[in-house]
Amino acid sequence: MHNDYPNPFNPITTLRYDLPENSLVTITIYDMLGRVVSNLVSSQQNAGYKSIQWNATNDRNEPVSSGLYIYTIQAGDYTQTKKMVLLK
């Protein structure tokens, strides 16, 4: 997984990742209390270079507040966690 860009961001950031093989991919964004903010991706995807944008909204399409967020990507046996900052 590459770092999101831009970071800090307002109001959109792009998460980029490479899949070496077909995998079930899950990308989840959490607040600093560990609560799920948004489930961006949860699908079977083909190998290749991928990207997805997050527009700083939760799963109910409501804007989230400024602050530090954590995102995780899971693809097969691979898991990675990174931080991003939303500045308004």
C-alpha atoms as a PDB file:
ATOM      1  CA  MET A   1       0.000   0.000   0.000  1.00  0.00           C
ATOM      2  CA  HIS A   2       1.207   3.476  -0.822  1.00  0.00           C
ATOM      3  CA  ASN A   3       0.651   6.492   1.422  1.00  0.00           C
ATOM      4  CA  ASP A   4      -2.587   8.351   0.833  1.00  0.00           C
ATOM      5  CA  TYR A   5      -2.258  11.578  -1.124  1.00  0.00           C
ATOM      6  CA  PRO A   6      -2.620  14.329  -0.206  1.00  0.00           C
ATOM      7  CA  ASN A   7      -2.042  13.935   3.538  1.00  0.00           C
ATOM      8  CA  PRO A   8      -3.104  16.127   5.327  1.00  0.00           C
ATOM      9  CA  PHE A   9      -6.163  16.506   3.130  1.00  0.00           C
ATOM     10  CA  ASN A  10      -9.391  18.492   2.771  1.00  0.00           C
ATOM     11  CA  PRO A  11     -11.819  17.107   1.777  1.00  0.00           C
ATOM     12  CA  ILE A  12     -10.636  14.257  -0.501  1.00  0.00           C
ATOM     13  CA  THR A  13      -7.670  11.887  -0.322  1.00  0.00           C
ATOM     14  CA  THR A  14      -6.724   8.989  -2.581  1.00  0.00           C
ATOM     15  CA  LEU A  15      -5.669   5.596  -1.237  1.00  0.00           C
ATOM     16  CA  ARG A  16      -3.494   3.635  -3.676  1.00  0.00           C
ATOM     17  CA  TYR A  17      -2.584  -0.040  -3.512  1.00  0.00           C
ATOM     18  CA  ASP A  18      -1.159  -2.834  -5.660  1.00  0.00           C
ATOM     19  CA  LEU A  19      -2.603  -6.332  -5.761  1.00  0.00           C
ATOM     20  CA  PRO A  20      -0.090  -8.978  -6.861  1.00  0.00           C
ATOM     21  CA  GLU A  21      -2.904 -11.524  -7.243  1.00  0.00           C
ATOM     22  CA  ASN A  22      -6.701 -11.663  -7.222  1.00  0.00           C
ATOM     23  CA  SER A  23      -7.808 -11.083  -3.623  1.00  0.00           C
ATOM     24  CA  LEU A  24     -10.689 -10.242  -1.350  1.00  0.00           C
ATOM     25  CA  VAL A  25      -9.916  -6.608  -0.437  1.00  0.00           C
ATOM     26  CA  THR A  26     -11.206  -4.731   2.595  1.00  0.00           C
ATOM     27  CA  ILE A  27     -10.348  -1.096   3.306  1.00  0.00           C
ATOM     28  CA  THR A  28     -11.746   0.349   6.534  1.00  0.00           C
ATOM     29  CA  ILE A  29     -11.316   3.807   8.072  1.00  0.00           C
ATOM     30  CA  TYR A  30     -11.361   4.221  11.865  1.00  0.00           C
ATOM     31  CA  ASP A  31     -11.377   7.213  14.187  1.00  0.00           C
ATOM     32  CA  MET A  32      -8.831   7.466  17.004  1.00  0.00           C
ATOM     33  CA  LEU A  33     -11.202   5.675  19.393  1.00  0.00           C
ATOM     34  CA  GLY A  34     -11.205   2.631  17.119  1.00  0.00           C
ATOM     35  CA  ARG A  35     -14.752   3.133  15.845  1.00  0.00           C
ATOM     36  CA  VAL A  36     -15.439   2.317  12.207  1.00  0.00           C
ATOM     37  CA  VAL A  37     -16.014   5.525  10.250  1.00  0.00           C
ATOM     38  CA  SER A  38     -16.303   4.093   6.752  1.00  0.00           C
ATOM     39  CA  ASN A  39     -16.014   0.741   4.996  1.00  0.00           C
ATOM     40  CA  LEU A  40     -14.579   1.929   1.688  1.00  0.00           C
ATOM     41  CA  VAL A  41     -13.987  -1.428   0.006  1.00  0.00           C
ATOM     42  CA  SER A  42     -15.164  -4.952   0.671  1.00  0.00           C
ATOM     43  CA  SER A  43     -14.983  -6.915  -2.565  1.00  0.00           C
ATOM     44  CA  GLN A  44     -13.116  -9.475  -4.610  1.00  0.00           C
ATOM     45  CA  GLN A  45     -10.692  -7.630  -6.900  1.00  0.00           C
ATOM     46  CA  ASN A  46      -8.428  -8.629  -9.769  1.00  0.00           C
ATOM     47  CA  ALA A  47      -4.661  -8.202  -9.542  1.00  0.00           C
ATOM     48  CA  GLY A  48      -3.275  -4.807 -10.548  1.00  0.00           C
ATOM     49  CA  TYR A  49      -2.797  -1.215  -9.518  1.00  0.00           C
ATOM     50  CA  LYS A  50      -5.833   0.191  -7.693  1.00  0.00           C
ATOM     51  CA  SER A  51      -6.940   3.426  -6.072  1.00  0.00           C
ATOM     52  CA  ILE A  52      -9.990   4.694  -4.242  1.00  0.00           C
ATOM     53  CA  GLN A  53     -10.925   8.141  -2.972  1.00  0.00           C
ATOM     54  CA  TRP A  54     -12.298   8.982   0.455  1.00  0.00           C
ATOM     55  CA  ASN A  55     -14.305  12.204   0.686  1.00  0.00           C
ATOM     56  CA  ALA A  56     -14.187  12.555   4.507  1.00  0.00           C
ATOM     57  CA  THR A  57     -17.673  11.174   5.067  1.00  0.00           C
ATOM     58  CA  ASN A  58     -18.870   8.258   7.179  1.00  0.00           C
ATOM     59  CA  ASP A  59     -20.961   5.276   6.055  1.00  0.00           C
ATOM     60  CA  ARG A  60     -24.104   7.457   6.349  1.00  0.00           C
ATOM     61  CA  ASN A  61     -22.552   9.995   3.921  1.00  0.00           C
ATOM     62  CA  GLU A  62     -22.222  12.574   6.721  1.00  0.00           C
ATOM     63  CA  PRO A  63     -19.073  14.736   6.874  1.00  0.00           C
ATOM     64  CA  VAL A  64     -16.603  13.746   9.606  1.00  0.00           C
ATOM     65  CA  SER A  65     -14.708  16.177  11.821  1.00  0.00           C
ATOM     66  CA  SER A  66     -11.096  17.249  11.444  1.00  0.00           C
ATOM     67  CA  GLY A  67      -8.556  14.979  13.056  1.00  0.00           C
ATOM     68  CA  LEU A  68      -6.403  11.903  12.788  1.00  0.00           C
ATOM     69  CA  TYR A  69      -7.830   8.789  11.132  1.00  0.00           C
ATOM     70  CA  ILE A  70      -6.454   5.282  10.717  1.00  0.00           C
ATOM     71  CA  TYR A  71      -7.060   3.146   7.652  1.00  0.00           C
ATOM     72  CA  THR A  72      -6.383  -0.543   7.161  1.00  0.00           C
ATOM     73  CA  ILE A  73      -6.181  -2.590   4.008  1.00  0.00           C
ATOM     74  CA  GLN A  74      -6.588  -6.348   4.041  1.00  0.00           C
ATOM     75  CA  ALA A  75      -5.920  -8.348   0.894  1.00  0.00           C
ATOM     76  CA  GLY A  76      -5.619 -12.094   1.344  1.00  0.00           C
ATOM     77  CA  ASP A  77      -3.070 -12.656   4.139  1.00  0.00           C
ATOM     78  CA  TYR A  78      -1.705  -9.094   3.820  1.00  0.00           C
ATOM     79  CA  THR A  79      -2.735  -6.387   6.300  1.00  0.00           C
ATOM     80  CA  GLN A  80      -1.380  -2.860   6.649  1.00  0.00           C
ATOM     81  CA  THR A  81      -2.414   0.132   8.752  1.00  0.00           C
ATOM     82  CA  LYS A  82      -1.620   3.798   8.110  1.00  0.00           C
ATOM     83  CA  LYS A  83      -2.574   7.238   9.453  1.00  0.00           C
ATOM     84  CA  MET A  84      -4.058  10.236   7.695  1.00  0.00           C
ATOM     85  CA  VAL A  85      -4.991  13.738   8.822  1.00  0.00           C
ATOM     86  CA  LEU A  86      -8.128  15.655   7.835  1.00  0.00           C
ATOM     87  CA  LEU A  87      -7.688  19.440   8.156  1.00  0.00           C
ATOM     88  CA  LYS A  88     -10.639  21.751   7.598  1.00  0.00           C
END
